Amino acid sequence: MNKAGIVDAVHEKLGGTKVSAEQAVETVIDSIISSLKKGDEVSIAGLGTFIVKNRAARTARNPRTGEPVKVAATKVPKFKASKTLKDAVK
C-alpha cells in the first residue's frame, strides 16, 4: 500500500471528498515530520513510535577504490513497532 491507497481507505471510511481525505493524510504526515524535525518523539497507539536518532561520525571505505571516506554525523528517523502491530503481523 502506498500513500494513494491510504487516501482511498480514509475516503471510504470517512466519506466526504477524496480531496479532503488527501488533506487529512497530508496533515498527519506533515505533523509527524514537523515533530521529528523538532526532535520530538511521535507515538501512535497500536502502531508504534517514530524517533530521531543521532548517528555518530565515522570513517567508511569507498568500495571501488578502498580508500577511507569520512562520513559526517547526522540525524536519522527510526520507527519502533508497537507490540500490537508486531502481534498483528505474526
N, C-alpha and C. Protein backbone atom coordinates (compact mmCIF):
# COMPACT_ATOMS: atom_id res chain seq x y z
N MET A 1 0.85 -1.18 0.00
CA MET A 1 0.00 0.00 0.00
C MET A 1 0.90 1.24 0.00
N ASN A 2 0.48 2.22 -0.76
CA ASN A 2 1.21 3.47 -0.81
C ASN A 2 0.31 4.60 -0.30
N LYS A 3 0.76 5.82 -0.46
CA LYS A 3 0.01 6.98 0.04
C LYS A 3 -1.38 7.07 -0.60
N ALA A 4 -1.47 6.80 -1.89
CA ALA A 4 -2.76 6.86 -2.58
C ALA A 4 -3.72 5.80 -2.03
N GLY A 5 -3.19 4.64 -1.67
CA GLY A 5 -4.02 3.60 -1.07
C GLY A 5 -4.54 4.01 0.29
N ILE A 6 -3.71 4.70 1.06
CA ILE A 6 -4.15 5.20 2.36
C ILE A 6 -5.23 6.26 2.19
N VAL A 7 -5.06 7.14 1.21
CA VAL A 7 -6.07 8.17 0.92
C VAL A 7 -7.39 7.51 0.55
N ASP A 8 -7.33 6.47 -0.29
CA ASP A 8 -8.55 5.76 -0.67
C ASP A 8 -9.23 5.12 0.54
N ALA A 9 -8.44 4.52 1.44
CA ALA A 9 -9.00 3.89 2.63
C ALA A 9 -9.66 4.92 3.55
N VAL A 10 -9.03 6.07 3.72
CA VAL A 10 -9.61 7.14 4.54
C VAL A 10 -10.88 7.66 3.89
N HIS A 11 -10.87 7.81 2.58
CA HIS A 11 -12.05 8.29 1.85
C HIS A 11 -13.23 7.32 2.01
N GLU A 12 -12.96 6.01 1.89
CA GLU A 12 -14.01 5.02 2.05
C GLU A 12 -14.58 5.02 3.47
N LYS A 13 -13.71 5.17 4.46
CA LYS A 13 -14.14 5.10 5.86
C LYS A 13 -14.91 6.34 6.29
N LEU A 14 -14.41 7.53 5.90
CA LEU A 14 -15.00 8.78 6.37
C LEU A 14 -16.01 9.38 5.42
N GLY A 15 -15.96 9.00 4.17
CA GLY A 15 -16.84 9.62 3.18
C GLY A 15 -16.28 10.99 2.80
N GLY A 16 -17.16 11.91 2.45
CA GLY A 16 -16.69 13.23 2.03
C GLY A 16 -16.03 13.15 0.68
N THR A 17 -15.18 14.14 0.40
CA THR A 17 -14.50 14.17 -0.89
C THR A 17 -13.13 13.50 -0.77
N LYS A 18 -12.64 13.09 -1.92
CA LYS A 18 -11.31 12.48 -1.95
C LYS A 18 -10.24 13.53 -1.63
N VAL A 19 -10.51 14.78 -1.98
CA VAL A 19 -9.57 15.87 -1.69
C VAL A 19 -9.43 16.06 -0.19
N SER A 20 -10.55 16.01 0.54
CA SER A 20 -10.49 16.18 1.99
C SER A 20 -9.76 14.99 2.64
N ALA A 21 -9.94 13.80 2.10
CA ALA A 21 -9.22 12.63 2.61
C ALA A 21 -7.73 12.78 2.38
N GLU A 22 -7.36 13.29 1.21
CA GLU A 22 -5.94 13.51 0.91
C GLU A 22 -5.35 14.57 1.83
N GLN A 23 -6.11 15.63 2.11
CA GLN A 23 -5.65 16.67 3.02
C GLN A 23 -5.46 16.11 4.43
N ALA A 24 -6.34 15.22 4.85
CA ALA A 24 -6.22 14.62 6.18
C ALA A 24 -4.95 13.78 6.28
N VAL A 25 -4.68 12.98 5.26
CA VAL A 25 -3.47 12.16 5.25
C VAL A 25 -2.23 13.05 5.21
N GLU A 26 -2.24 14.08 4.39
CA GLU A 26 -1.12 15.03 4.32
C GLU A 26 -0.87 15.69 5.66
N THR A 27 -1.95 16.06 6.36
CA THR A 27 -1.82 16.71 7.66
C THR A 27 -1.15 15.78 8.67
N VAL A 28 -1.54 14.51 8.66
CA VAL A 28 -0.92 13.55 9.58
C VAL A 28 0.57 13.41 9.27
N ILE A 29 0.90 13.24 8.01
CA ILE A 29 2.30 13.06 7.61
C ILE A 29 3.11 14.32 7.94
N ASP A 30 2.57 15.49 7.61
CA ASP A 30 3.28 16.74 7.90
C ASP A 30 3.48 16.94 9.40
N SER A 31 2.49 16.55 10.20
CA SER A 31 2.60 16.67 11.66
C SER A 31 3.71 15.77 12.19
N ILE A 32 3.80 14.56 11.68
CA ILE A 32 4.85 13.64 12.11
C ILE A 32 6.22 14.20 11.73
N ILE A 33 6.35 14.68 10.51
CA ILE A 33 7.63 15.21 10.03
C ILE A 33 8.05 16.44 10.83
N SER A 34 7.12 17.36 11.07
CA SER A 34 7.49 18.58 11.80
C SER A 34 7.87 18.26 13.25
N SER A 35 7.21 17.29 13.86
CA SER A 35 7.57 16.89 15.22
C SER A 35 8.96 16.27 15.26
N LEU A 36 9.26 15.43 14.27
CA LEU A 36 10.59 14.82 14.22
C LEU A 36 11.67 15.85 13.96
N LYS A 37 11.38 16.87 13.15
CA LYS A 37 12.34 17.94 12.89
C LYS A 37 12.71 18.67 14.17
N LYS A 38 11.72 18.83 15.07
CA LYS A 38 11.95 19.48 16.36
C LYS A 38 12.69 18.58 17.33
N GLY A 39 12.80 17.30 17.00
CA GLY A 39 13.45 16.34 17.88
C GLY A 39 12.48 15.66 18.83
N ASP A 40 11.18 15.89 18.63
CA ASP A 40 10.17 15.26 19.47
C ASP A 40 9.94 13.82 19.04
N GLU A 41 9.37 13.04 19.95
CA GLU A 41 9.00 11.66 19.69
C GLU A 41 7.52 11.63 19.32
N VAL A 42 7.16 10.84 18.33
CA VAL A 42 5.77 10.71 17.92
C VAL A 42 5.33 9.28 18.20
N SER A 43 4.37 9.13 19.09
CA SER A 43 3.88 7.81 19.48
C SER A 43 2.43 7.67 19.06
N ILE A 44 2.13 6.63 18.29
CA ILE A 44 0.78 6.35 17.83
C ILE A 44 0.37 5.00 18.40
N ALA A 45 -0.62 5.02 19.29
CA ALA A 45 -1.06 3.80 19.96
C ALA A 45 -1.49 2.75 18.93
N GLY A 46 -1.01 1.53 19.12
CA GLY A 46 -1.36 0.45 18.22
C GLY A 46 -0.50 0.37 16.97
N LEU A 47 0.31 1.39 16.73
CA LEU A 47 1.17 1.41 15.54
C LEU A 47 2.64 1.37 15.94
N GLY A 48 3.08 2.37 16.68
CA GLY A 48 4.47 2.41 17.11
C GLY A 48 4.93 3.81 17.41
N THR A 49 6.25 3.97 17.48
CA THR A 49 6.86 5.23 17.85
C THR A 49 7.89 5.64 16.81
N PHE A 50 7.80 6.88 16.38
CA PHE A 50 8.80 7.47 15.50
C PHE A 50 9.74 8.29 16.38
N ILE A 51 11.05 8.09 16.22
CA ILE A 51 12.03 8.84 16.99
C ILE A 51 13.16 9.28 16.07
N VAL A 52 13.95 10.24 16.55
CA VAL A 52 15.12 10.70 15.82
C VAL A 52 16.36 10.23 16.58
N LYS A 53 17.24 9.53 15.90
CA LYS A 53 18.48 9.04 16.49
C LYS A 53 19.65 9.81 15.90
N ASN A 54 20.67 10.03 16.72
CA ASN A 54 21.90 10.65 16.25
C ASN A 54 22.84 9.56 15.78
N ARG A 55 23.32 9.69 14.56
CA ARG A 55 24.30 8.75 14.03
C ARG A 55 25.66 9.43 14.11
N ALA A 56 26.59 8.81 14.79
CA ALA A 56 27.91 9.40 15.02
C ALA A 56 28.72 9.47 13.72
N ALA A 57 29.67 10.39 13.71
CA ALA A 57 30.59 10.48 12.58
C ALA A 57 31.43 9.20 12.54
N ARG A 58 31.80 8.79 11.34
CA ARG A 58 32.56 7.56 11.20
C ARG A 58 33.42 7.62 9.95
N THR A 59 34.28 6.65 9.83
CA THR A 59 35.10 6.50 8.64
C THR A 59 34.62 5.27 7.89
N ALA A 60 34.26 5.46 6.64
CA ALA A 60 33.80 4.36 5.79
C ALA A 60 34.84 4.12 4.70
N ARG A 61 34.61 3.14 3.89
CA ARG A 61 35.52 2.85 2.78
C ARG A 61 34.77 2.94 1.47
N ASN A 62 35.41 3.57 0.48
CA ASN A 62 34.88 3.61 -0.87
C ASN A 62 35.01 2.20 -1.44
N PRO A 63 33.91 1.56 -1.81
CA PRO A 63 34.01 0.17 -2.28
C PRO A 63 34.80 0.01 -3.58
N ARG A 64 34.82 1.04 -4.39
CA ARG A 64 35.52 0.94 -5.67
C ARG A 64 37.03 1.05 -5.48
N THR A 65 37.46 2.06 -4.69
CA THR A 65 38.90 2.31 -4.55
C THR A 65 39.47 1.79 -3.25
N GLY A 66 38.62 1.56 -2.26
CA GLY A 66 39.10 1.09 -0.97
C GLY A 66 39.65 2.18 -0.08
N GLU A 67 39.65 3.42 -0.55
CA GLU A 67 40.19 4.50 0.27
C GLU A 67 39.18 4.92 1.34
N PRO A 68 39.68 5.36 2.50
CA PRO A 68 38.77 5.79 3.58
C PRO A 68 38.07 7.10 3.24
N VAL A 69 36.81 7.19 3.65
CA VAL A 69 36.00 8.38 3.43
C VAL A 69 35.37 8.76 4.76
N LYS A 70 35.45 10.04 5.11
CA LYS A 70 34.83 10.50 6.35
C LYS A 70 33.35 10.76 6.12
N VAL A 71 32.51 10.19 6.99
CA VAL A 71 31.07 10.39 6.93
C VAL A 71 30.69 11.23 8.14
N ALA A 72 30.05 12.36 7.89
CA ALA A 72 29.70 13.29 8.97
C ALA A 72 28.60 12.72 9.85
N ALA A 73 28.52 13.23 11.07
CA ALA A 73 27.43 12.86 11.98
C ALA A 73 26.12 13.38 11.41
N THR A 74 25.05 12.65 11.66
CA THR A 74 23.75 13.04 11.12
C THR A 74 22.64 12.53 12.02
N LYS A 75 21.45 13.01 11.78
CA LYS A 75 20.26 12.54 12.49
C LYS A 75 19.45 11.71 11.51
N VAL A 76 18.92 10.58 11.99
CA VAL A 76 18.12 9.70 11.14
C VAL A 76 16.82 9.34 11.84
N PRO A 77 15.72 9.24 11.08
CA PRO A 77 14.46 8.82 11.68
C PRO A 77 14.45 7.30 11.89
N LYS A 78 13.85 6.88 13.00
CA LYS A 78 13.72 5.46 13.31
C LYS A 78 12.27 5.19 13.67
N PHE A 79 11.83 3.98 13.43
CA PHE A 79 10.47 3.56 13.79
C PHE A 79 10.56 2.30 14.62
N LYS A 80 9.89 2.32 15.76
CA LYS A 80 9.82 1.15 16.64
C LYS A 80 8.37 0.70 16.69
N ALA A 81 8.10 -0.50 16.18
CA ALA A 81 6.73 -1.02 16.12
C ALA A 81 6.23 -1.37 17.51
N SER A 82 4.93 -1.13 17.72
CA SER A 82 4.32 -1.47 19.00
C SER A 82 4.07 -2.97 19.07
N LYS A 83 3.82 -3.46 20.28
CA LYS A 83 3.53 -4.88 20.47
C LYS A 83 2.27 -5.27 19.71
N THR A 84 1.29 -4.39 19.68
CA THR A 84 0.04 -4.66 18.95
C THR A 84 0.31 -4.90 17.47
N LEU A 85 1.14 -4.06 16.88
CA LEU A 85 1.48 -4.21 15.45
C LEU A 85 2.28 -5.48 15.22
N LYS A 86 3.23 -5.76 16.09
CA LYS A 86 4.03 -6.97 15.95
C LYS A 86 3.16 -8.21 16.03
N ASP A 87 2.23 -8.22 16.97
CA ASP A 87 1.33 -9.39 17.12
C ASP A 87 0.40 -9.52 15.91
N ALA A 88 -0.05 -8.40 15.34
CA ALA A 88 -0.95 -8.45 14.19
C ALA A 88 -0.26 -8.99 12.95
N VAL A 89 1.02 -8.76 12.83
CA VAL A 89 1.77 -9.19 11.64
C VAL A 89 2.15 -10.67 11.72
N LYS A 90 2.26 -11.21 12.92
CA LYS A 90 2.66 -12.61 13.09
C LYS A 90 1.77 -13.56 12.33
